[in-house]
Structure formats: structure tokens, C-alpha cells
Amino acid sequence: MLYSRTRTLTHSLLRYRTSFPSFKPVAPVRFYSTETPSELHSINETPKPTRARRPVKAPLTITESAAQHLQTLLSKKDNAIGIKLGVKRRGCNGYSYTMDYTVEKPKFFEEVSERGVSVFIEPKALMYVVGTTMDYVEDELSAEFVFKNPNAKGTCGCGESFNV
């Protein structure tokens, strides 16, 4: 967008006219510039210092036992660089977690790298996963990943699904 700079020009013409009484301008002359008015004024100003940003907390926390088990799973799978974590609408209580291997970093996915393991969170699942702790629990009857989600309003009896 072009901006005119006529004020200084007309001021100069008025001074010129007082010096020479026979001078009569034909039409006002305009100079056009591609700079915005804020850019014209900020040429001689020094830039303001920016505030230091606080470090952003990771949306997912991975415990030591979960990281060790994920490393053993990734070592068995060829070319796998990490795990994709998502949320699907299914189960008896609304949503359930999905996990899959990934061989390359998916576009627009949030990457969480803790304890030598990379977990890529789907963009749609990010709002459900924020603040979640991923753990791996082995007991006498089962061995499974357990997600402790502070956003979950309730879970089903088997612990497979949750609602928000």
C-alpha cells in the first residue's frame, strides 16, 4: 500500500513561494512510498527489548518404567523412531487412547522427548492429553500402559476409556 508524504512537500512549497512572489504551483505534488507510517517513524528508533519467555511444559510426562518399556518395544521394530499417541471416540465411556509406531516425524504433531523416547501426539488429541502422565504397570494379572489424566471426568470400570 502506498502512503503519501505531502505535508513536508507543501510546507517546502510555501517557504519557496514566500521567497519568490511570482511562483504559483500548478497542482500539489505527491511522493509515494512503500513504507507504512510506522516504518517511517521507526527508522531512527532502537528496537524494544523483548521479554524472555517462560519454558513451556511438555503436554505429556513419561515415567521411567514407561520409557524403559517403550525403548524395548522400539528396539524390536525396524526403522521406528517413536510412538504416535492419539485419542479415538470409542469404548464404554467416550474416548480411548491409541498408540502406534512411527518411522518419521508426522507433520503438525507435538513431539515429547523424555528419557530417550519420542512420543508424537496427534493435534486432535492434544487438548485431551495435556497434563497426562504415561506409566507402565506390571502386576500379577496384567502388564499395561496406564494414563493418569487430570482432565478426565470419569473412566469406565475396566480403565480402557475415559470422558472429558
N, C-alpha and C. Protein backbone atom coordinates (compact mmCIF):
# COMPACT_ATOMS: atom_id res chain seq x y z
N MET A 1 0.84 -1.17 0.00
CA MET A 1 0.00 0.00 0.00
C MET A 1 0.89 1.24 0.00
N LEU A 2 0.52 2.24 -0.77
CA LEU A 2 1.32 3.44 -0.88
C LEU A 2 0.79 4.52 0.06
N TYR A 3 1.67 5.25 0.67
CA TYR A 3 1.29 6.32 1.58
C TYR A 3 1.90 7.63 1.08
N SER A 4 1.13 8.69 1.17
CA SER A 4 1.64 9.95 0.64
C SER A 4 2.42 10.70 1.71
N ARG A 5 3.34 11.49 1.24
CA ARG A 5 4.16 12.31 2.13
C ARG A 5 4.02 13.76 1.67
N THR A 6 2.80 14.29 1.70
CA THR A 6 2.54 15.62 1.15
C THR A 6 2.81 16.74 2.13
N ARG A 7 2.74 16.49 3.41
CA ARG A 7 2.85 17.56 4.39
C ARG A 7 4.20 18.29 4.29
N THR A 8 5.26 17.53 4.24
CA THR A 8 6.57 18.17 4.17
C THR A 8 6.77 18.87 2.83
N LEU A 9 6.20 18.31 1.77
CA LEU A 9 6.34 18.93 0.45
C LEU A 9 5.60 20.25 0.38
N THR A 10 4.35 20.30 0.86
CA THR A 10 3.60 21.55 0.81
C THR A 10 4.23 22.58 1.73
N HIS A 11 4.78 22.18 2.84
CA HIS A 11 5.47 23.10 3.72
C HIS A 11 6.68 23.71 3.00
N SER A 12 7.39 22.88 2.24
CA SER A 12 8.54 23.39 1.48
C SER A 12 8.10 24.35 0.38
N LEU A 13 6.97 24.05 -0.28
CA LEU A 13 6.47 24.92 -1.34
C LEU A 13 6.03 26.27 -0.79
N LEU A 14 5.43 26.28 0.40
CA LEU A 14 5.02 27.54 1.00
C LEU A 14 6.24 28.41 1.31
N ARG A 15 7.31 27.80 1.80
CA ARG A 15 8.52 28.56 2.06
C ARG A 15 9.12 29.09 0.75
N TYR A 16 9.04 28.28 -0.32
CA TYR A 16 9.56 28.69 -1.61
C TYR A 16 8.74 29.85 -2.17
N ARG A 17 7.40 29.83 -1.98
CA ARG A 17 6.54 30.87 -2.51
C ARG A 17 6.81 32.22 -1.82
N THR A 18 7.11 32.18 -0.54
CA THR A 18 7.40 33.44 0.15
C THR A 18 8.71 34.05 -0.34
N SER A 19 9.62 33.21 -0.79
CA SER A 19 10.89 33.72 -1.31
C SER A 19 10.73 34.35 -2.69
N PHE A 20 9.86 33.76 -3.52
CA PHE A 20 9.64 34.24 -4.88
C PHE A 20 8.14 34.52 -5.05
N PRO A 21 7.72 35.77 -5.04
CA PRO A 21 6.30 36.10 -5.10
C PRO A 21 5.63 35.70 -6.41
N SER A 22 6.36 35.55 -7.49
CA SER A 22 5.75 35.19 -8.78
C SER A 22 5.53 33.69 -8.94
N PHE A 23 5.94 32.88 -7.97
CA PHE A 23 5.80 31.43 -8.06
C PHE A 23 4.37 31.02 -7.75
N LYS A 24 3.76 30.22 -8.68
CA LYS A 24 2.42 29.69 -8.46
C LYS A 24 2.46 28.19 -8.78
N PRO A 25 2.26 27.32 -7.76
CA PRO A 25 2.27 25.89 -8.05
C PRO A 25 1.06 25.48 -8.86
N VAL A 26 1.24 24.55 -9.78
CA VAL A 26 0.17 24.11 -10.65
C VAL A 26 -0.76 23.15 -9.92
N ALA A 27 -0.23 22.14 -9.32
CA ALA A 27 -1.02 21.15 -8.59
C ALA A 27 -0.16 20.60 -7.47
N PRO A 28 -0.78 20.16 -6.39
CA PRO A 28 0.05 19.57 -5.34
C PRO A 28 0.73 18.31 -5.82
N VAL A 29 1.98 18.19 -5.52
CA VAL A 29 2.78 17.05 -5.94
C VAL A 29 2.87 16.08 -4.78
N ARG A 30 2.70 14.79 -5.06
CA ARG A 30 2.76 13.78 -4.01
C ARG A 30 3.89 12.81 -4.29
N PHE A 31 4.60 12.47 -3.26
CA PHE A 31 5.61 11.42 -3.33
C PHE A 31 5.03 10.19 -2.68
N TYR A 32 5.20 9.04 -3.30
CA TYR A 32 4.66 7.80 -2.76
C TYR A 32 5.80 6.92 -2.26
N SER A 33 5.48 6.21 -1.21
CA SER A 33 6.48 5.35 -0.58
C SER A 33 5.82 4.02 -0.25
N THR A 34 6.59 2.96 -0.24
CA THR A 34 6.04 1.65 0.11
C THR A 34 6.09 1.39 1.62
N GLU A 35 6.74 2.25 2.39
CA GLU A 35 6.82 2.06 3.83
C GLU A 35 5.52 2.50 4.48
N THR A 36 5.13 1.79 5.52
CA THR A 36 3.97 2.20 6.29
C THR A 36 4.37 3.37 7.18
N PRO A 37 3.41 4.14 7.68
CA PRO A 37 3.77 5.27 8.55
C PRO A 37 4.56 4.83 9.78
N SER A 38 4.26 3.67 10.33
CA SER A 38 5.01 3.22 11.50
C SER A 38 6.46 2.91 11.13
N GLU A 39 6.70 2.41 9.90
CA GLU A 39 8.07 2.14 9.47
C GLU A 39 8.83 3.44 9.23
N LEU A 40 8.14 4.47 8.78
CA LEU A 40 8.80 5.75 8.54
C LEU A 40 9.27 6.37 9.84
N HIS A 41 8.46 6.22 10.90
CA HIS A 41 8.83 6.81 12.18
C HIS A 41 9.85 5.98 12.94
N SER A 42 9.93 4.70 12.65
CA SER A 42 10.81 3.83 13.43
C SER A 42 12.20 3.66 12.83
N ILE A 43 12.54 4.45 11.84
CA ILE A 43 13.86 4.32 11.22
C ILE A 43 14.96 4.65 12.22
N ASN A 44 14.78 5.73 12.98
CA ASN A 44 15.82 6.16 13.90
C ASN A 44 15.66 5.60 15.31
N GLU A 45 14.58 4.89 15.57
CA GLU A 45 14.35 4.36 16.91
C GLU A 45 15.06 3.02 17.07
N THR A 46 15.48 2.74 18.27
CA THR A 46 16.09 1.44 18.56
C THR A 46 14.98 0.46 18.92
N PRO A 47 15.11 -0.80 18.55
CA PRO A 47 14.04 -1.76 18.86
C PRO A 47 13.95 -2.01 20.36
N LYS A 48 12.71 -2.24 20.81
CA LYS A 48 12.48 -2.51 22.22
C LYS A 48 12.97 -3.92 22.54
N PRO A 49 13.54 -4.10 23.71
CA PRO A 49 13.96 -5.45 24.09
C PRO A 49 12.74 -6.32 24.36
N THR A 50 12.80 -7.57 23.93
CA THR A 50 11.68 -8.48 24.14
C THR A 50 11.84 -9.19 25.48
N ARG A 51 10.71 -9.55 26.06
CA ARG A 51 10.75 -10.25 27.34
C ARG A 51 11.14 -11.70 27.10
N ALA A 52 11.83 -12.25 28.06
CA ALA A 52 12.20 -13.66 27.97
C ALA A 52 10.95 -14.50 28.22
N ARG A 53 10.75 -15.50 27.39
CA ARG A 53 9.58 -16.36 27.53
C ARG A 53 9.85 -17.48 28.50
N ARG A 54 8.82 -17.84 29.23
CA ARG A 54 8.95 -18.97 30.15
C ARG A 54 9.00 -20.26 29.35
N PRO A 55 9.74 -21.24 29.81
CA PRO A 55 9.75 -22.52 29.09
C PRO A 55 8.38 -23.18 29.19
N VAL A 56 7.96 -23.79 28.10
CA VAL A 56 6.66 -24.43 28.04
C VAL A 56 6.77 -25.85 28.57
N LYS A 57 5.86 -26.22 29.43
CA LYS A 57 5.86 -27.57 29.99
C LYS A 57 5.35 -28.56 28.95
N ALA A 58 5.93 -29.73 28.93
CA ALA A 58 5.53 -30.76 27.97
C ALA A 58 4.10 -31.21 28.27
N PRO A 59 3.31 -31.48 27.23
CA PRO A 59 1.92 -31.88 27.47
C PRO A 59 1.78 -33.29 28.05
N LEU A 60 2.83 -34.08 27.96
CA LEU A 60 2.79 -35.46 28.43
C LEU A 60 4.05 -35.75 29.24
N THR A 61 3.87 -36.40 30.38
CA THR A 61 5.00 -36.82 31.20
C THR A 61 5.14 -38.33 31.10
N ILE A 62 6.36 -38.79 30.85
CA ILE A 62 6.62 -40.23 30.70
C ILE A 62 7.43 -40.69 31.90
N THR A 63 6.93 -41.70 32.59
CA THR A 63 7.66 -42.22 33.75
C THR A 63 8.82 -43.09 33.30
N GLU A 64 9.69 -43.42 34.24
CA GLU A 64 10.88 -44.23 33.93
C GLU A 64 10.49 -45.62 33.44
N SER A 65 9.51 -46.24 34.08
CA SER A 65 9.11 -47.60 33.66
C SER A 65 8.47 -47.58 32.27
N ALA A 66 7.70 -46.54 31.95
CA ALA A 66 7.11 -46.43 30.61
C ALA A 66 8.20 -46.21 29.57
N ALA A 67 9.19 -45.39 29.90
CA ALA A 67 10.28 -45.13 28.95
C ALA A 67 11.09 -46.40 28.68
N GLN A 68 11.36 -47.17 29.72
CA GLN A 68 12.12 -48.42 29.52
C GLN A 68 11.34 -49.39 28.65
N HIS A 69 10.05 -49.53 28.88
CA HIS A 69 9.25 -50.46 28.08
C HIS A 69 9.11 -49.98 26.64
N LEU A 70 8.96 -48.66 26.45
CA LEU A 70 8.89 -48.12 25.09
C LEU A 70 10.20 -48.33 24.34
N GLN A 71 11.32 -48.20 25.02
CA GLN A 71 12.61 -48.44 24.38
C GLN A 71 12.75 -49.89 23.94
N THR A 72 12.30 -50.84 24.75
CA THR A 72 12.36 -52.25 24.34
C THR A 72 11.43 -52.52 23.16
N LEU A 73 10.25 -51.89 23.15
CA LEU A 73 9.33 -52.07 22.03
C LEU A 73 9.90 -51.46 20.74
N LEU A 74 10.50 -50.28 20.85
CA LEU A 74 11.06 -49.62 19.67
C LEU A 74 12.30 -50.34 19.14
N SER A 75 13.05 -50.99 20.02
CA SER A 75 14.24 -51.72 19.56
C SER A 75 13.86 -52.96 18.76
N LYS A 76 12.69 -53.52 19.01
CA LYS A 76 12.22 -54.70 18.27
C LYS A 76 11.64 -54.34 16.90
N LYS A 77 11.24 -53.09 16.72
CA LYS A 77 10.62 -52.66 15.48
C LYS A 77 11.65 -51.94 14.61
N ASP A 78 11.82 -52.38 13.36
CA ASP A 78 12.79 -51.77 12.44
C ASP A 78 12.34 -50.37 12.03
N ASN A 79 13.26 -49.44 11.97
CA ASN A 79 13.07 -48.07 11.49
C ASN A 79 12.10 -47.23 12.32
N ALA A 80 11.65 -47.70 13.44
CA ALA A 80 10.73 -46.92 14.27
C ALA A 80 11.52 -45.89 15.07
N ILE A 81 11.08 -44.62 14.99
CA ILE A 81 11.76 -43.55 15.73
C ILE A 81 10.98 -43.14 16.97
N GLY A 82 9.73 -43.54 17.05
CA GLY A 82 8.91 -43.15 18.19
C GLY A 82 7.52 -43.75 18.13
N ILE A 83 6.68 -43.25 19.02
CA ILE A 83 5.31 -43.74 19.15
C ILE A 83 4.36 -42.59 18.85
N LYS A 84 3.29 -42.87 18.08
CA LYS A 84 2.23 -41.90 17.87
C LYS A 84 1.15 -42.16 18.91
N LEU A 85 0.74 -41.10 19.59
CA LEU A 85 -0.30 -41.21 20.61
C LEU A 85 -1.50 -40.41 20.15
N GLY A 86 -2.66 -41.04 20.18
CA GLY A 86 -3.88 -40.37 19.76
C GLY A 86 -5.04 -40.73 20.66
N VAL A 87 -6.17 -40.15 20.37
CA VAL A 87 -7.40 -40.41 21.11
C VAL A 87 -8.49 -40.70 20.09
N LYS A 88 -9.22 -41.79 20.29
CA LYS A 88 -10.35 -42.14 19.41
C LYS A 88 -11.62 -42.17 20.23
N ARG A 89 -12.72 -41.86 19.57
CA ARG A 89 -14.02 -41.90 20.21
C ARG A 89 -14.54 -43.34 20.15
N ARG A 90 -14.34 -44.05 21.25
CA ARG A 90 -14.81 -45.43 21.35
C ARG A 90 -14.73 -45.87 22.80
N GLY A 91 -15.19 -47.05 23.06
CA GLY A 91 -15.17 -47.55 24.43
C GLY A 91 -16.49 -47.28 25.12
N CYS A 92 -16.60 -47.74 26.33
CA CYS A 92 -17.86 -47.61 27.05
C CYS A 92 -18.03 -46.26 27.73
N ASN A 93 -16.99 -45.41 27.72
CA ASN A 93 -17.10 -44.14 28.44
C ASN A 93 -16.70 -42.94 27.59
N GLY A 94 -16.54 -43.07 26.30
CA GLY A 94 -16.28 -41.91 25.46
C GLY A 94 -15.04 -42.01 24.60
N TYR A 95 -13.85 -41.86 25.19
CA TYR A 95 -12.60 -41.83 24.44
C TYR A 95 -11.64 -42.90 24.96
N SER A 96 -10.78 -43.35 24.07
CA SER A 96 -9.71 -44.26 24.48
C SER A 96 -8.43 -43.86 23.77
N TYR A 97 -7.31 -44.22 24.35
CA TYR A 97 -6.00 -43.87 23.80
C TYR A 97 -5.61 -44.86 22.72
N THR A 98 -4.93 -44.36 21.69
CA THR A 98 -4.39 -45.21 20.63
C THR A 98 -2.90 -44.98 20.55
N MET A 99 -2.17 -46.05 20.30
CA MET A 99 -0.71 -45.96 20.16
C MET A 99 -0.29 -46.75 18.93
N ASP A 100 0.69 -46.20 18.21
CA ASP A 100 1.19 -46.86 17.01
C ASP A 100 2.65 -46.45 16.81
N TYR A 101 3.40 -47.27 16.10
CA TYR A 101 4.79 -46.94 15.77
C TYR A 101 4.81 -45.88 14.68
N THR A 102 5.87 -45.09 14.65
CA THR A 102 6.06 -44.14 13.56
C THR A 102 7.51 -44.21 13.09
N VAL A 103 7.70 -44.09 11.77
CA VAL A 103 9.04 -44.16 11.19
C VAL A 103 9.58 -42.77 10.84
N GLU A 104 8.71 -41.75 10.83
CA GLU A 104 9.14 -40.39 10.59
C GLU A 104 8.26 -39.45 11.40
N LYS A 105 8.77 -38.25 11.63
CA LYS A 105 8.01 -37.29 12.43
C LYS A 105 6.81 -36.80 11.61
N PRO A 106 5.61 -37.06 12.09
CA PRO A 106 4.43 -36.59 11.36
C PRO A 106 4.31 -35.07 11.42
N LYS A 107 3.75 -34.52 10.37
CA LYS A 107 3.61 -33.06 10.28
C LYS A 107 2.53 -32.60 11.26
N PHE A 108 2.78 -31.50 11.95
CA PHE A 108 1.89 -30.84 12.91
C PHE A 108 1.68 -31.62 14.20
N PHE A 109 2.41 -32.69 14.43
CA PHE A 109 2.29 -33.44 15.67
C PHE A 109 3.19 -32.81 16.73
N GLU A 110 2.76 -32.85 17.97
CA GLU A 110 3.55 -32.34 19.09
C GLU A 110 4.52 -33.43 19.52
N GLU A 111 5.80 -33.11 19.60
CA GLU A 111 6.81 -34.10 19.97
C GLU A 111 7.20 -33.93 21.43
N VAL A 112 7.15 -35.04 22.17
CA VAL A 112 7.60 -35.07 23.56
C VAL A 112 8.75 -36.07 23.62
N SER A 113 9.95 -35.58 23.95
CA SER A 113 11.12 -36.44 24.07
C SER A 113 11.58 -36.41 25.52
N GLU A 114 11.38 -37.52 26.19
CA GLU A 114 11.81 -37.67 27.58
C GLU A 114 12.45 -39.02 27.76
N ARG A 115 13.55 -39.05 28.51
CA ARG A 115 14.23 -40.29 28.89
C ARG A 115 14.58 -41.16 27.69
N GLY A 116 14.96 -40.54 26.59
CA GLY A 116 15.41 -41.27 25.42
C GLY A 116 14.31 -41.82 24.54
N VAL A 117 13.06 -41.42 24.76
CA VAL A 117 11.92 -41.91 23.98
C VAL A 117 11.18 -40.71 23.39
N SER A 118 10.76 -40.84 22.13
CA SER A 118 9.98 -39.79 21.48
C SER A 118 8.54 -40.26 21.32
N VAL A 119 7.62 -39.43 21.80
CA VAL A 119 6.19 -39.69 21.64
C VAL A 119 5.61 -38.52 20.86
N PHE A 120 4.90 -38.82 19.77
CA PHE A 120 4.30 -37.80 18.92
C PHE A 120 2.80 -37.80 19.17
N ILE A 121 2.28 -36.65 19.60
CA ILE A 121 0.86 -36.54 19.96
C ILE A 121 0.10 -35.93 18.80
N GLU A 122 -1.00 -36.57 18.42
CA GLU A 122 -1.83 -36.07 17.34
C GLU A 122 -2.41 -34.72 17.70
N PRO A 123 -2.57 -33.82 16.73
CA PRO A 123 -3.11 -32.49 17.03
C PRO A 123 -4.52 -32.54 17.62
N LYS A 124 -5.36 -33.46 17.16
CA LYS A 124 -6.73 -33.56 17.68
C LYS A 124 -6.74 -34.07 19.11
N ALA A 125 -5.74 -34.85 19.48
CA ALA A 125 -5.70 -35.45 20.81
C ALA A 125 -5.00 -34.57 21.84
N LEU A 126 -4.36 -33.51 21.39
CA LEU A 126 -3.54 -32.70 22.29
C LEU A 126 -4.34 -32.09 23.43
N MET A 127 -5.54 -31.62 23.16
CA MET A 127 -6.33 -30.99 24.22
C MET A 127 -6.82 -32.00 25.26
N TYR A 128 -6.89 -33.27 24.90
CA TYR A 128 -7.30 -34.31 25.86
C TYR A 128 -6.11 -34.85 26.66
N VAL A 129 -4.91 -34.68 26.13
CA VAL A 129 -3.73 -35.31 26.72
C VAL A 129 -2.92 -34.35 27.61
N VAL A 130 -3.16 -33.06 27.52
CA VAL A 130 -2.37 -32.08 28.27
C VAL A 130 -2.40 -32.39 29.77
N GLY A 131 -1.21 -32.53 30.36
CA GLY A 131 -1.09 -32.80 31.78
C GLY A 131 -1.10 -34.27 32.16
N THR A 132 -1.19 -35.15 31.18
CA THR A 132 -1.28 -36.59 31.43
C THR A 132 0.09 -37.18 31.75
N THR A 133 0.09 -38.16 32.64
CA THR A 133 1.30 -38.92 32.96
C THR A 133 1.12 -40.32 32.39
N MET A 134 2.12 -40.74 31.60
CA MET A 134 2.09 -42.07 30.98
C MET A 134 2.98 -42.98 31.81
N ASP A 135 2.40 -44.10 32.27
CA ASP A 135 3.13 -45.03 33.12
C ASP A 135 2.94 -46.44 32.57
N TYR A 136 3.87 -47.31 32.90
CA TYR A 136 3.76 -48.73 32.54
C TYR A 136 3.73 -49.52 33.84
N VAL A 137 2.66 -50.30 34.01
CA VAL A 137 2.44 -51.03 35.27
C VAL A 137 2.38 -52.52 34.98
N GLU A 138 3.17 -53.29 35.75
CA GLU A 138 3.13 -54.75 35.67
C GLU A 138 2.68 -55.28 37.03
N ASP A 139 1.65 -56.10 37.00
CA ASP A 139 1.24 -56.77 38.24
C ASP A 139 1.01 -58.25 37.94
N GLU A 140 0.41 -58.97 38.87
CA GLU A 140 0.25 -60.41 38.71
C GLU A 140 -0.66 -60.80 37.54
N LEU A 141 -1.63 -59.95 37.24
CA LEU A 141 -2.61 -60.30 36.21
C LEU A 141 -2.37 -59.63 34.86
N SER A 142 -1.76 -58.47 34.87
CA SER A 142 -1.64 -57.74 33.60
C SER A 142 -0.38 -56.88 33.57
N ALA A 143 -0.04 -56.46 32.37
CA ALA A 143 1.03 -55.50 32.14
C ALA A 143 0.51 -54.55 31.07
N GLU A 144 0.41 -53.25 31.44
CA GLU A 144 -0.22 -52.30 30.52
C GLU A 144 0.28 -50.88 30.76
N PHE A 145 0.07 -50.04 29.74
CA PHE A 145 0.33 -48.62 29.89
C PHE A 145 -0.88 -48.01 30.60
N VAL A 146 -0.61 -47.18 31.60
CA VAL A 146 -1.66 -46.51 32.35
C VAL A 146 -1.48 -45.01 32.17
N PHE A 147 -2.57 -44.35 31.82
CA PHE A 147 -2.55 -42.90 31.62
C PHE A 147 -3.29 -42.24 32.77
N LYS A 148 -2.57 -41.40 33.51
CA LYS A 148 -3.18 -40.64 34.61
C LYS A 148 -3.49 -39.25 34.06
N ASN A 149 -4.75 -39.04 33.72
CA ASN A 149 -5.17 -37.82 33.04
C ASN A 149 -5.96 -36.94 34.01
N PRO A 150 -5.45 -35.74 34.34
CA PRO A 150 -6.19 -34.86 35.25
C PRO A 150 -7.42 -34.23 34.60
N ASN A 151 -7.53 -34.28 33.27
CA ASN A 151 -8.68 -33.71 32.57
C ASN A 151 -9.86 -34.66 32.51
N ALA A 152 -9.65 -35.94 32.79
CA ALA A 152 -10.72 -36.94 32.69
C ALA A 152 -11.72 -36.75 33.82
N LYS A 153 -12.99 -36.67 33.45
CA LYS A 153 -14.06 -36.54 34.45
C LYS A 153 -14.45 -37.90 35.02
N GLY A 154 -14.25 -38.92 34.22
CA GLY A 154 -14.59 -40.26 34.67
C GLY A 154 -13.97 -41.31 33.77
N THR A 155 -13.87 -42.53 34.28
CA THR A 155 -13.35 -43.65 33.49
C THR A 155 -14.30 -44.81 33.64
N CYS A 156 -14.18 -45.76 32.73
CA CYS A 156 -15.02 -46.95 32.83
C CYS A 156 -14.40 -47.92 33.85
N GLY A 157 -15.12 -48.98 34.16
CA GLY A 157 -14.66 -49.94 35.16
C GLY A 157 -13.39 -50.65 34.78
N CYS A 158 -13.20 -50.93 33.50
CA CYS A 158 -12.00 -51.66 33.08
C CYS A 158 -10.80 -50.74 32.91
N GLY A 159 -11.02 -49.40 32.89
CA GLY A 159 -9.92 -48.45 32.73
C GLY A 159 -9.49 -48.24 31.30
N GLU A 160 -10.25 -48.76 30.35
CA GLU A 160 -9.90 -48.67 28.95
C GLU A 160 -10.27 -47.31 28.35
N SER A 161 -11.35 -46.70 28.78
CA SER A 161 -11.79 -45.44 28.19
C SER A 161 -12.07 -44.40 29.27
N PHE A 162 -12.18 -43.15 28.82
CA PHE A 162 -12.41 -42.03 29.73
C PHE A 162 -13.31 -41.01 29.05
N ASN A 163 -13.85 -40.09 29.83
CA ASN A 163 -14.61 -38.98 29.26
C ASN A 163 -14.08 -37.67 29.81
N VAL A 164 -14.31 -36.62 29.04
CA VAL A 164 -13.81 -35.30 29.42
C VAL A 164 -14.98 -34.36 29.58
